[in-house]
Amino acid sequence: VAKDLGLQLRELKDRDAHVFDTGRTRYFFLDLQNGHLSMMEQVDREEICAAVAKCVLNFEILVKRPM
């Protein structure tokens, strides 16, 4: 994530980076120690997207100081 945002790994922690999932369930986790974006748990595609051909999970990453 740090590389994609053009930041150093340390900046993710210093700038209080957070992942915000859209919806009620939290699917993603941003590890500030290594900068990896990971899934909180295994996702059941059939449960989330049912009969939809294209399954998309939206999320945002907020980086503070400065925003």
N, C-alpha and C. Protein backbone atom coordinates (compact mmCIF):
# COMPACT_ATOMS: atom_id res chain seq x y z
N VAL A 1 0.82 -1.18 0.00
CA VAL A 1 0.00 0.00 0.00
C VAL A 1 0.87 1.25 0.00
N ALA A 2 1.93 1.26 0.80
CA ALA A 2 2.81 2.43 0.86
C ALA A 2 3.38 2.73 -0.53
N LYS A 3 3.82 1.71 -1.21
CA LYS A 3 4.38 1.89 -2.55
C LYS A 3 3.34 2.45 -3.51
N ASP A 4 2.12 1.91 -3.46
CA ASP A 4 1.05 2.38 -4.34
C ASP A 4 0.68 3.84 -4.06
N LEU A 5 0.80 4.27 -2.81
CA LEU A 5 0.48 5.64 -2.44
C LEU A 5 1.68 6.58 -2.56
N GLY A 6 2.84 6.04 -2.90
CA GLY A 6 4.05 6.86 -3.02
C GLY A 6 4.60 7.31 -1.68
N LEU A 7 4.40 6.47 -0.65
CA LEU A 7 4.88 6.78 0.70
C LEU A 7 5.92 5.77 1.14
N GLN A 8 6.71 6.14 2.13
CA GLN A 8 7.61 5.21 2.78
C GLN A 8 6.78 4.40 3.78
N LEU A 9 7.21 3.19 4.07
CA LEU A 9 6.49 2.31 4.99
C LEU A 9 6.23 3.00 6.33
N ARG A 10 7.21 3.67 6.87
CA ARG A 10 7.08 4.34 8.17
C ARG A 10 5.97 5.41 8.14
N GLU A 11 5.77 6.04 6.98
CA GLU A 11 4.76 7.09 6.87
C GLU A 11 3.34 6.56 7.07
N LEU A 12 3.08 5.30 6.72
CA LEU A 12 1.75 4.73 6.94
C LEU A 12 1.38 4.80 8.42
N LYS A 13 2.31 4.45 9.27
CA LYS A 13 2.07 4.47 10.72
C LYS A 13 2.06 5.90 11.25
N ASP A 14 3.03 6.70 10.83
CA ASP A 14 3.12 8.08 11.30
C ASP A 14 1.90 8.90 10.91
N ARG A 15 1.33 8.60 9.75
CA ARG A 15 0.19 9.37 9.24
C ARG A 15 -1.14 8.68 9.53
N ASP A 16 -1.11 7.65 10.38
CA ASP A 16 -2.32 6.99 10.88
C ASP A 16 -3.23 6.48 9.75
N ALA A 17 -2.67 5.68 8.84
CA ALA A 17 -3.42 5.13 7.71
C ALA A 17 -4.43 4.10 8.20
N HIS A 18 -5.64 4.14 7.63
CA HIS A 18 -6.72 3.21 7.97
C HIS A 18 -7.46 2.77 6.72
N VAL A 19 -7.96 1.55 6.75
CA VAL A 19 -8.80 1.04 5.68
C VAL A 19 -10.26 1.15 6.12
N PHE A 20 -11.10 1.66 5.24
CA PHE A 20 -12.53 1.74 5.50
C PHE A 20 -13.26 0.96 4.43
N ASP A 21 -13.96 -0.09 4.86
CA ASP A 21 -14.78 -0.89 3.95
C ASP A 21 -16.12 -0.22 3.78
N THR A 22 -16.69 -0.32 2.59
CA THR A 22 -18.06 0.15 2.42
C THR A 22 -18.97 -1.00 2.80
N GLY A 23 -20.01 -0.71 3.53
CA GLY A 23 -20.91 -1.76 3.99
C GLY A 23 -20.69 -2.06 5.46
N ARG A 24 -21.39 -3.06 5.95
CA ARG A 24 -21.36 -3.39 7.37
C ARG A 24 -20.20 -4.29 7.77
N THR A 25 -19.78 -5.15 6.87
CA THR A 25 -18.74 -6.12 7.20
C THR A 25 -17.37 -5.57 6.86
N ARG A 26 -16.44 -5.77 7.77
CA ARG A 26 -15.06 -5.35 7.56
C ARG A 26 -14.29 -6.51 6.93
N TYR A 27 -13.83 -6.32 5.69
CA TYR A 27 -13.15 -7.39 4.97
C TYR A 27 -11.63 -7.22 4.94
N PHE A 28 -11.14 -6.00 5.04
CA PHE A 28 -9.73 -5.73 4.82
C PHE A 28 -9.01 -5.26 6.08
N PHE A 29 -7.71 -5.53 6.11
CA PHE A 29 -6.85 -5.15 7.22
C PHE A 29 -5.55 -4.59 6.65
N LEU A 30 -5.15 -3.41 7.09
CA LEU A 30 -3.88 -2.81 6.67
C LEU A 30 -2.87 -2.99 7.78
N ASP A 31 -1.86 -3.80 7.52
CA ASP A 31 -0.80 -4.05 8.50
C ASP A 31 0.22 -2.92 8.39
N LEU A 32 0.28 -2.06 9.38
CA LEU A 32 1.17 -0.90 9.35
C LEU A 32 2.64 -1.27 9.56
N GLN A 33 2.91 -2.50 9.97
CA GLN A 33 4.29 -2.94 10.16
C GLN A 33 4.96 -3.29 8.83
N ASN A 34 4.18 -3.87 7.90
CA ASN A 34 4.78 -4.26 6.62
C ASN A 34 4.10 -3.64 5.40
N GLY A 35 2.99 -2.91 5.61
CA GLY A 35 2.31 -2.23 4.52
C GLY A 35 1.42 -3.11 3.67
N HIS A 36 1.18 -4.34 4.09
CA HIS A 36 0.36 -5.27 3.30
C HIS A 36 -1.12 -5.06 3.58
N LEU A 37 -1.90 -5.11 2.52
CA LEU A 37 -3.35 -5.09 2.63
C LEU A 37 -3.81 -6.54 2.57
N SER A 38 -4.50 -7.00 3.59
CA SER A 38 -4.90 -8.40 3.68
C SER A 38 -6.39 -8.51 3.97
N MET A 39 -6.90 -9.72 3.78
CA MET A 39 -8.29 -10.01 4.09
C MET A 39 -8.37 -10.37 5.58
N MET A 40 -9.44 -9.93 6.23
CA MET A 40 -9.64 -10.24 7.65
C MET A 40 -9.88 -11.74 7.84
N GLU A 41 -10.60 -12.34 6.90
CA GLU A 41 -10.90 -13.76 6.94
C GLU A 41 -11.25 -14.21 5.53
N GLN A 42 -11.37 -15.48 5.34
CA GLN A 42 -11.74 -16.00 4.03
C GLN A 42 -13.14 -15.50 3.67
N VAL A 43 -13.28 -15.07 2.40
CA VAL A 43 -14.53 -14.49 1.94
C VAL A 43 -15.31 -15.52 1.13
N ASP A 44 -16.59 -15.65 1.44
CA ASP A 44 -17.46 -16.54 0.68
C ASP A 44 -18.13 -15.73 -0.42
N ARG A 45 -17.63 -15.87 -1.64
CA ARG A 45 -18.13 -15.10 -2.78
C ARG A 45 -19.62 -15.31 -2.99
N GLU A 46 -20.09 -16.52 -2.83
CA GLU A 46 -21.51 -16.82 -3.03
C GLU A 46 -22.38 -16.06 -2.02
N GLU A 47 -21.89 -15.90 -0.82
CA GLU A 47 -22.65 -15.19 0.21
C GLU A 47 -22.67 -13.68 -0.06
N ILE A 48 -21.56 -13.13 -0.52
CA ILE A 48 -21.46 -11.69 -0.73
C ILE A 48 -22.14 -11.25 -2.03
N CYS A 49 -21.86 -11.96 -3.11
CA CYS A 49 -22.30 -11.51 -4.43
C CYS A 49 -23.44 -12.33 -5.03
N ALA A 50 -23.78 -13.42 -4.43
CA ALA A 50 -24.88 -14.29 -4.88
C ALA A 50 -24.84 -14.53 -6.39
N ALA A 51 -25.81 -14.00 -7.11
CA ALA A 51 -25.94 -14.30 -8.55
C ALA A 51 -25.28 -13.26 -9.45
N VAL A 52 -24.50 -12.35 -8.90
CA VAL A 52 -23.83 -11.32 -9.69
C VAL A 52 -22.57 -11.90 -10.33
N ALA A 53 -22.41 -11.68 -11.63
CA ALA A 53 -21.27 -12.23 -12.34
C ALA A 53 -19.95 -11.60 -11.91
N LYS A 54 -19.95 -10.30 -11.66
CA LYS A 54 -18.73 -9.58 -11.28
C LYS A 54 -18.84 -9.19 -9.80
N CYS A 55 -17.97 -9.75 -8.99
CA CYS A 55 -18.00 -9.50 -7.55
C CYS A 55 -16.95 -8.44 -7.19
N VAL A 56 -17.39 -7.33 -6.62
CA VAL A 56 -16.48 -6.23 -6.29
C VAL A 56 -16.68 -5.86 -4.82
N LEU A 57 -15.56 -5.74 -4.10
CA LEU A 57 -15.58 -5.25 -2.72
C LEU A 57 -14.89 -3.89 -2.72
N ASN A 58 -15.61 -2.86 -2.37
CA ASN A 58 -15.06 -1.51 -2.36
C ASN A 58 -14.50 -1.16 -0.99
N PHE A 59 -13.42 -0.38 -0.99
CA PHE A 59 -12.84 0.11 0.24
C PHE A 59 -12.08 1.39 -0.05
N GLU A 60 -11.77 2.12 1.01
CA GLU A 60 -10.99 3.34 0.90
C GLU A 60 -9.87 3.29 1.92
N ILE A 61 -8.77 3.95 1.60
CA ILE A 61 -7.66 4.08 2.55
C ILE A 61 -7.53 5.56 2.87
N LEU A 62 -7.61 5.89 4.15
CA LEU A 62 -7.49 7.26 4.62
C LEU A 62 -6.11 7.42 5.24
N VAL A 63 -5.38 8.44 4.78
CA VAL A 63 -4.05 8.75 5.33
C VAL A 63 -4.12 10.18 5.87
N LYS A 64 -3.90 10.33 7.16
CA LYS A 64 -3.98 11.64 7.81
C LYS A 64 -2.63 12.35 7.86
N ARG A 65 -2.66 13.55 8.33
CA ARG A 65 -1.45 14.36 8.63
C ARG A 65 -0.50 14.54 7.48
N PRO A 66 -0.64 15.32 6.52
CA PRO A 66 -1.90 15.94 6.11
C PRO A 66 -2.74 14.94 5.34
N MET A 67 -4.02 15.21 5.27
CA MET A 67 -4.95 14.32 4.57
C MET A 67 -4.74 14.46 3.08
